[in-house]
């Protein structure tokens, strides 16, 4: 909650999934 709408961009946690391109902490060798 804040005084106005704001957005701060940071690097995603985890690594990119080769299939969906989303960054997830669960990404790894399956």
ModelCIF file with pLDDT and N, C-alpha, C, O atoms, coordinates in Angstrom:
data_MODEL
#
_entry.id   MODEL 
#
_entity.id                         1 
_entity.type                       polymer 
_entity.pdbx_number_of_molecules   1 
#
_entity_poly.entity_id                      1 
_entity_poly.type                           'polypeptide(L)' 
_entity_poly.nstd_linkage                   no 
_entity_poly.nstd_monomer                   no 
_entity_poly.pdbx_seq_one_letter_code       
;(UNK)(UNK)(UNK)(UNK)(UNK)(UNK)(UNK)(UNK)(UNK)(UNK)(UNK)(UNK)(UNK)(UNK)(UNK)(UNK)
(UNK)(UNK)(UNK)(UNK)(UNK)(UNK)(UNK)(UNK)(UNK)(UNK)(UNK)(UNK)(UNK)(UNK)
;
_entity_poly.pdbx_seq_one_letter_code_can   XXXXXXXXXXXXXXXXXXXXXXXXXXXXXX 
_entity_poly.pdbx_strand_id                 A 
#
loop_
_entity_poly_seq.entity_id 
_entity_poly_seq.num 
_entity_poly_seq.mon_id 
_entity_poly_seq.hetero 
1 1  UNK n 
1 2  UNK n 
1 3  UNK n 
1 4  UNK n 
1 5  UNK n 
1 6  UNK n 
1 7  UNK n 
1 8  UNK n 
1 9  UNK n 
1 10 UNK n 
1 11 UNK n 
1 12 UNK n 
1 13 UNK n 
1 14 UNK n 
1 15 UNK n 
1 16 UNK n 
1 17 UNK n 
1 18 UNK n 
1 19 UNK n 
1 20 UNK n 
1 21 UNK n 
1 22 UNK n 
1 23 UNK n 
1 24 UNK n 
1 25 UNK n 
1 26 UNK n 
1 27 UNK n 
1 28 UNK n 
1 29 UNK n 
1 30 UNK n 
#
_struct_asym.id          A 
_struct_asym.entity_id   1 
#
loop_
_ma_qa_metric.id 
_ma_qa_metric.mode 
_ma_qa_metric.name 
_ma_qa_metric.software_group_id 
_ma_qa_metric.type 
1 global pLDDT . pLDDT 
2 local  pLDDT . pLDDT 
#
_ma_qa_metric_global.metric_id      1 
_ma_qa_metric_global.metric_value   89.00 
_ma_qa_metric_global.model_id       1 
_ma_qa_metric_global.ordinal_id     1 
#
loop_
_ma_qa_metric_local.label_asym_id 
_ma_qa_metric_local.label_comp_id 
_ma_qa_metric_local.label_seq_id 
_ma_qa_metric_local.metric_id 
_ma_qa_metric_local.metric_value 
_ma_qa_metric_local.model_id 
_ma_qa_metric_local.ordinal_id 
A UNK 1  2 96.00 1 1  
A UNK 2  2 94.00 1 2  
A UNK 3  2 95.00 1 3  
A UNK 4  2 95.00 1 4  
A UNK 5  2 97.00 1 5  
A UNK 6  2 96.00 1 6  
A UNK 7  2 96.00 1 7  
A UNK 8  2 95.00 1 8  
A UNK 9  2 94.00 1 9  
A UNK 10 2 94.00 1 10 
A UNK 11 2 94.00 1 11 
A UNK 12 2 93.00 1 12 
A UNK 13 2 91.00 1 13 
A UNK 14 2 90.00 1 14 
A UNK 15 2 90.00 1 15 
A UNK 16 2 90.00 1 16 
A UNK 17 2 91.00 1 17 
A UNK 18 2 90.00 1 18 
A UNK 19 2 90.00 1 19 
A UNK 20 2 91.00 1 20 
A UNK 21 2 90.00 1 21 
A UNK 22 2 91.00 1 22 
A UNK 23 2 91.00 1 23 
A UNK 24 2 87.00 1 24 
A UNK 25 2 84.00 1 25 
A UNK 26 2 79.00 1 26 
A UNK 27 2 72.00 1 27 
A UNK 28 2 70.00 1 28 
A UNK 29 2 73.00 1 29 
A UNK 30 2 71.00 1 30 
#
loop_
_atom_site.group_PDB 
_atom_site.id 
_atom_site.type_symbol 
_atom_site.label_atom_id 
_atom_site.label_alt_id 
_atom_site.label_comp_id 
_atom_site.label_asym_id 
_atom_site.label_entity_id 
_atom_site.label_seq_id 
_atom_site.pdbx_PDB_ins_code 
_atom_site.Cartn_x 
_atom_site.Cartn_y 
_atom_site.Cartn_z 
_atom_site.occupancy 
_atom_site.B_iso_or_equiv 
_atom_site.pdbx_formal_charge 
_atom_site.auth_seq_id 
_atom_site.auth_comp_id 
_atom_site.auth_asym_id 
_atom_site.auth_atom_id 
_atom_site.pdbx_PDB_model_num 
ATOM 1   N N  . UNK A 1 1  ? 0.843  -1.199  0.000   1.00 96.00 ? 1  UNK A N  1 
ATOM 2   C CA . UNK A 1 1  ? 0.000  0.000   0.000   1.00 96.00 ? 1  UNK A CA 1 
ATOM 3   C C  . UNK A 1 1  ? 0.875  1.244   0.000   1.00 96.00 ? 1  UNK A C  1 
ATOM 4   O O  . UNK A 1 1  ? 1.880  1.293   0.709   1.00 96.00 ? 1  UNK A O  1 
ATOM 5   N N  . UNK A 1 2  ? 0.509  2.245   -0.781  1.00 94.00 ? 2  UNK A N  1 
ATOM 6   C CA . UNK A 1 2  ? 1.297  3.465   -0.857  1.00 94.00 ? 2  UNK A CA 1 
ATOM 7   C C  . UNK A 1 2  ? 0.420  4.655   -1.188  1.00 94.00 ? 2  UNK A C  1 
ATOM 8   O O  . UNK A 1 2  ? -0.805 4.552   -1.245  1.00 94.00 ? 2  UNK A O  1 
ATOM 9   N N  . UNK A 1 3  ? 1.071  5.785   -1.405  1.00 95.00 ? 3  UNK A N  1 
ATOM 10  C CA . UNK A 1 3  ? 0.320  7.013   -1.677  1.00 95.00 ? 3  UNK A CA 1 
ATOM 11  C C  . UNK A 1 3  ? -0.179 7.071   -3.111  1.00 95.00 ? 3  UNK A C  1 
ATOM 12  O O  . UNK A 1 3  ? -1.161 7.754   -3.403  1.00 95.00 ? 3  UNK A O  1 
ATOM 13  N N  . UNK A 1 4  ? 0.494  6.355   -4.009  1.00 95.00 ? 4  UNK A N  1 
ATOM 14  C CA . UNK A 1 4  ? 0.124  6.397   -5.432  1.00 95.00 ? 4  UNK A CA 1 
ATOM 15  C C  . UNK A 1 4  ? 0.554  5.088   -6.092  1.00 95.00 ? 4  UNK A C  1 
ATOM 16  O O  . UNK A 1 4  ? 1.206  4.246   -5.474  1.00 95.00 ? 4  UNK A O  1 
ATOM 17  N N  . UNK A 1 5  ? 0.166  4.939   -7.385  1.00 97.00 ? 5  UNK A N  1 
ATOM 18  C CA . UNK A 1 5  ? 0.613  3.779   -8.152  1.00 97.00 ? 5  UNK A CA 1 
ATOM 19  C C  . UNK A 1 5  ? 2.081  3.981   -8.524  1.00 97.00 ? 5  UNK A C  1 
ATOM 20  O O  . UNK A 1 5  ? 2.428  4.966   -9.175  1.00 97.00 ? 5  UNK A O  1 
ATOM 21  N N  . UNK A 1 6  ? 2.943  3.050   -8.112  1.00 96.00 ? 6  UNK A N  1 
ATOM 22  C CA . UNK A 1 6  ? 4.348  3.084   -8.514  1.00 96.00 ? 6  UNK A CA 1 
ATOM 23  C C  . UNK A 1 6  ? 4.798  1.677   -8.872  1.00 96.00 ? 6  UNK A C  1 
ATOM 24  O O  . UNK A 1 6  ? 4.174  0.696   -8.468  1.00 96.00 ? 6  UNK A O  1 
ATOM 25  N N  . UNK A 1 7  ? 5.875  1.584   -9.628  1.00 96.00 ? 7  UNK A N  1 
ATOM 26  C CA . UNK A 1 7  ? 6.421  0.276   -10.009 1.00 96.00 ? 7  UNK A CA 1 
ATOM 27  C C  . UNK A 1 7  ? 7.939  0.361   -10.091 1.00 96.00 ? 7  UNK A C  1 
ATOM 28  O O  . UNK A 1 7  ? 8.494  1.239   -10.751 1.00 96.00 ? 7  UNK A O  1 
ATOM 29  N N  . UNK A 1 8  ? 8.598  -0.569  -9.407  1.00 95.00 ? 8  UNK A N  1 
ATOM 30  C CA . UNK A 1 8  ? 10.060 -0.650  -9.444  1.00 95.00 ? 8  UNK A CA 1 
ATOM 31  C C  . UNK A 1 8  ? 10.431 -1.997  -10.056 1.00 95.00 ? 8  UNK A C  1 
ATOM 32  O O  . UNK A 1 8  ? 9.898  -3.031  -9.653  1.00 95.00 ? 8  UNK A O  1 
ATOM 33  N N  . UNK A 1 9  ? 11.336 -1.991  -11.020 1.00 94.00 ? 9  UNK A N  1 
ATOM 34  C CA . UNK A 1 9  ? 11.699 -3.200  -11.755 1.00 94.00 ? 9  UNK A CA 1 
ATOM 35  C C  . UNK A 1 9  ? 12.986 -3.780  -11.192 1.00 94.00 ? 9  UNK A C  1 
ATOM 36  O O  . UNK A 1 9  ? 13.971 -3.066  -11.004 1.00 94.00 ? 9  UNK A O  1 
ATOM 37  N N  . UNK A 1 10 ? 12.968 -5.090  -10.923 1.00 94.00 ? 10 UNK A N  1 
ATOM 38  C CA . UNK A 1 10 ? 14.156 -5.804  -10.465 1.00 94.00 ? 10 UNK A CA 1 
ATOM 39  C C  . UNK A 1 10 ? 14.328 -7.068  -11.288 1.00 94.00 ? 10 UNK A C  1 
ATOM 40  O O  . UNK A 1 10 ? 13.426 -7.481  -12.016 1.00 94.00 ? 10 UNK A O  1 
ATOM 41  N N  . UNK A 1 11 ? 15.505 -7.680  -11.161 1.00 94.00 ? 11 UNK A N  1 
ATOM 42  C CA . UNK A 1 11 ? 15.752 -8.949  -11.845 1.00 94.00 ? 11 UNK A CA 1 
ATOM 43  C C  . UNK A 1 11 ? 14.921 -10.040 -11.178 1.00 94.00 ? 11 UNK A C  1 
ATOM 44  O O  . UNK A 1 11 ? 14.777 -10.068 -9.956  1.00 94.00 ? 11 UNK A O  1 
ATOM 45  N N  . UNK A 1 12 ? 14.379 -10.933 -11.993 1.00 93.00 ? 12 UNK A N  1 
ATOM 46  C CA . UNK A 1 12 ? 13.553 -12.023 -11.477 1.00 93.00 ? 12 UNK A CA 1 
ATOM 47  C C  . UNK A 1 12 ? 14.387 -12.992 -10.667 1.00 93.00 ? 12 UNK A C  1 
ATOM 48  O O  . UNK A 1 12 ? 15.571 -13.189 -10.942 1.00 93.00 ? 12 UNK A O  1 
ATOM 49  N N  . UNK A 1 13 ? 13.765 -13.597 -9.669  1.00 91.00 ? 13 UNK A N  1 
ATOM 50  C CA . UNK A 1 13 ? 14.417 -14.650 -8.903  1.00 91.00 ? 13 UNK A CA 1 
ATOM 51  C C  . UNK A 1 13 ? 14.417 -15.939 -9.724  1.00 91.00 ? 13 UNK A C  1 
ATOM 52  O O  . UNK A 1 13 ? 13.577 -16.114 -10.607 1.00 91.00 ? 13 UNK A O  1 
ATOM 53  N N  . UNK A 1 14 ? 15.350 -16.835 -9.438  1.00 90.00 ? 14 UNK A N  1 
ATOM 54  C CA . UNK A 1 14 ? 15.385 -18.122 -10.114 1.00 90.00 ? 14 UNK A CA 1 
ATOM 55  C C  . UNK A 1 14 ? 16.017 -18.039 -11.488 1.00 90.00 ? 14 UNK A C  1 
ATOM 56  O O  . UNK A 1 14 ? 16.758 -17.103 -11.791 1.00 90.00 ? 14 UNK A O  1 
ATOM 57  N N  . UNK A 1 15 ? 15.716 -19.031 -12.317 1.00 90.00 ? 15 UNK A N  1 
ATOM 58  C CA . UNK A 1 15 ? 16.243 -19.055 -13.682 1.00 90.00 ? 15 UNK A CA 1 
ATOM 59  C C  . UNK A 1 15 ? 15.113 -19.319 -14.669 1.00 90.00 ? 15 UNK A C  1 
ATOM 60  O O  . UNK A 1 15 ? 14.026 -19.754 -14.289 1.00 90.00 ? 15 UNK A O  1 
ATOM 61  N N  . UNK A 1 16 ? 15.391 -19.047 -15.949 1.00 90.00 ? 16 UNK A N  1 
ATOM 62  C CA . UNK A 1 16 ? 14.361 -19.165 -16.980 1.00 90.00 ? 16 UNK A CA 1 
ATOM 63  C C  . UNK A 1 16 ? 14.096 -20.623 -17.323 1.00 90.00 ? 16 UNK A C  1 
ATOM 64  O O  . UNK A 1 16 ? 15.017 -21.429 -17.456 1.00 90.00 ? 16 UNK A O  1 
ATOM 65  N N  . UNK A 1 17 ? 12.828 -20.935 -17.462 1.00 91.00 ? 17 UNK A N  1 
ATOM 66  C CA . UNK A 1 17 ? 12.424 -22.257 -17.952 1.00 91.00 ? 17 UNK A CA 1 
ATOM 67  C C  . UNK A 1 17 ? 12.570 -22.266 -19.469 1.00 91.00 ? 17 UNK A C  1 
ATOM 68  O O  . UNK A 1 17 ? 12.098 -21.355 -20.149 1.00 91.00 ? 17 UNK A O  1 
ATOM 69  N N  . UNK A 1 18 ? 13.226 -23.297 -19.993 1.00 90.00 ? 18 UNK A N  1 
ATOM 70  C CA . UNK A 1 18 ? 13.443 -23.365 -21.441 1.00 90.00 ? 18 UNK A CA 1 
ATOM 71  C C  . UNK A 1 18 ? 12.135 -23.533 -22.217 1.00 90.00 ? 18 UNK A C  1 
ATOM 72  O O  . UNK A 1 18 ? 12.077 -23.252 -23.414 1.00 90.00 ? 18 UNK A O  1 
ATOM 73  N N  . UNK A 1 19 ? 11.095 -23.990 -21.532 1.00 90.00 ? 19 UNK A N  1 
ATOM 74  C CA . UNK A 1 19 ? 9.834  -24.269 -22.234 1.00 90.00 ? 19 UNK A CA 1 
ATOM 75  C C  . UNK A 1 19 ? 8.876  -23.076 -22.211 1.00 90.00 ? 19 UNK A C  1 
ATOM 76  O O  . UNK A 1 19 ? 8.311  -22.722 -23.245 1.00 90.00 ? 19 UNK A O  1 
ATOM 77  N N  . UNK A 1 20 ? 8.691  -22.464 -21.063 1.00 91.00 ? 20 UNK A N  1 
ATOM 78  C CA . UNK A 1 20 ? 7.703  -21.366 -20.955 1.00 91.00 ? 20 UNK A CA 1 
ATOM 79  C C  . UNK A 1 20 ? 8.350  -19.985 -20.812 1.00 91.00 ? 20 UNK A C  1 
ATOM 80  O O  . UNK A 1 20 ? 7.657  -18.970 -20.869 1.00 91.00 ? 20 UNK A O  1 
ATOM 81  N N  . UNK A 1 21 ? 9.680  -19.942 -20.626 1.00 90.00 ? 21 UNK A N  1 
ATOM 82  C CA . UNK A 1 21 ? 10.454 -18.697 -20.518 1.00 90.00 ? 21 UNK A CA 1 
ATOM 83  C C  . UNK A 1 21 ? 10.195 -17.935 -19.220 1.00 90.00 ? 21 UNK A C  1 
ATOM 84  O O  . UNK A 1 21 ? 10.765 -16.865 -19.004 1.00 90.00 ? 21 UNK A O  1 
ATOM 85  N N  . UNK A 1 22 ? 9.348  -18.473 -18.366 1.00 91.00 ? 22 UNK A N  1 
ATOM 86  C CA . UNK A 1 22 ? 9.122  -17.827 -17.079 1.00 91.00 ? 22 UNK A CA 1 
ATOM 87  C C  . UNK A 1 22 ? 10.291 -18.134 -16.138 1.00 91.00 ? 22 UNK A C  1 
ATOM 88  O O  . UNK A 1 22 ? 10.904 -19.200 -16.204 1.00 91.00 ? 22 UNK A O  1 
ATOM 89  N N  . UNK A 1 23 ? 10.579 -17.178 -15.270 1.00 91.00 ? 23 UNK A N  1 
ATOM 90  C CA . UNK A 1 23 ? 11.640 -17.382 -14.281 1.00 91.00 ? 23 UNK A CA 1 
ATOM 91  C C  . UNK A 1 23 ? 11.022 -17.964 -13.016 1.00 91.00 ? 23 UNK A C  1 
ATOM 92  O O  . UNK A 1 23 ? 10.108 -17.385 -12.429 1.00 91.00 ? 23 UNK A O  1 
ATOM 93  N N  . UNK A 1 24 ? 11.537 -19.121 -12.607 1.00 87.00 ? 24 UNK A N  1 
ATOM 94  C CA . UNK A 1 24 ? 11.005 -19.818 -11.455 1.00 87.00 ? 24 UNK A CA 1 
ATOM 95  C C  . UNK A 1 24 ? 12.163 -20.331 -10.603 1.00 87.00 ? 24 UNK A C  1 
ATOM 96  O O  . UNK A 1 24 ? 13.211 -20.709 -11.127 1.00 87.00 ? 24 UNK A O  1 
ATOM 97  N N  . UNK A 1 25 ? 11.965 -20.339 -9.288  1.00 84.00 ? 25 UNK A N  1 
ATOM 98  C CA . UNK A 1 25 ? 12.986 -20.911 -8.405  1.00 84.00 ? 25 UNK A CA 1 
ATOM 99  C C  . UNK A 1 25 ? 12.973 -22.434 -8.490  1.00 84.00 ? 25 UNK A C  1 
ATOM 100 O O  . UNK A 1 25 ? 13.913 -23.104 -8.062  1.00 84.00 ? 25 UNK A O  1 
ATOM 101 N N  . UNK A 1 26 ? 11.856 -22.982 -9.067  1.00 79.00 ? 26 UNK A N  1 
ATOM 102 C CA . UNK A 1 26 ? 11.762 -24.445 -9.186  1.00 79.00 ? 26 UNK A CA 1 
ATOM 103 C C  . UNK A 1 26 ? 12.413 -24.972 -10.454 1.00 79.00 ? 26 UNK A C  1 
ATOM 104 O O  . UNK A 1 26 ? 12.441 -26.184 -10.666 1.00 79.00 ? 26 UNK A O  1 
ATOM 105 N N  . UNK A 1 27 ? 12.935 -24.099 -11.300 1.00 72.00 ? 27 UNK A N  1 
ATOM 106 C CA . UNK A 1 27 ? 13.510 -24.536 -12.560 1.00 72.00 ? 27 UNK A CA 1 
ATOM 107 C C  . UNK A 1 27 ? 14.813 -25.304 -12.317 1.00 72.00 ? 27 UNK A C  1 
ATOM 108 O O  . UNK A 1 27 ? 15.667 -24.880 -11.538 1.00 72.00 ? 27 UNK A O  1 
ATOM 109 N N  . UNK A 1 28 ? 14.941 -26.434 -12.999 1.00 70.00 ? 28 UNK A N  1 
ATOM 110 C CA . UNK A 1 28 ? 16.152 -27.242 -12.859 1.00 70.00 ? 28 UNK A CA 1 
ATOM 111 C C  . UNK A 1 28 ? 16.064 -28.471 -13.723 1.00 70.00 ? 28 UNK A C  1 
ATOM 112 O O  . UNK A 1 28 ? 15.291 -28.513 -14.680 1.00 70.00 ? 28 UNK A O  1 
ATOM 113 N N  . UNK A 1 29 ? 16.858 -29.480 -13.387 1.00 73.00 ? 29 UNK A N  1 
ATOM 114 C CA . UNK A 1 29 ? 16.883 -30.717 -14.171 1.00 73.00 ? 29 UNK A CA 1 
ATOM 115 C C  . UNK A 1 29 ? 15.773 -31.626 -13.664 1.00 73.00 ? 29 UNK A C  1 
ATOM 116 O O  . UNK A 1 29 ? 15.729 -31.964 -12.481 1.00 73.00 ? 29 UNK A O  1 
ATOM 117 N N  . UNK A 1 30 ? 14.869 -32.024 -14.572 1.00 71.00 ? 30 UNK A N  1 
ATOM 118 C CA . UNK A 1 30 ? 13.779 -32.954 -14.254 1.00 71.00 ? 30 UNK A CA 1 
ATOM 119 C C  . UNK A 1 30 ? 13.905 -34.149 -15.188 1.00 71.00 ? 30 UNK A C  1 
ATOM 120 O O  . UNK A 1 30 ? 13.098 -35.076 -15.117 1.00 71.00 ? 30 UNK A O  1 
#
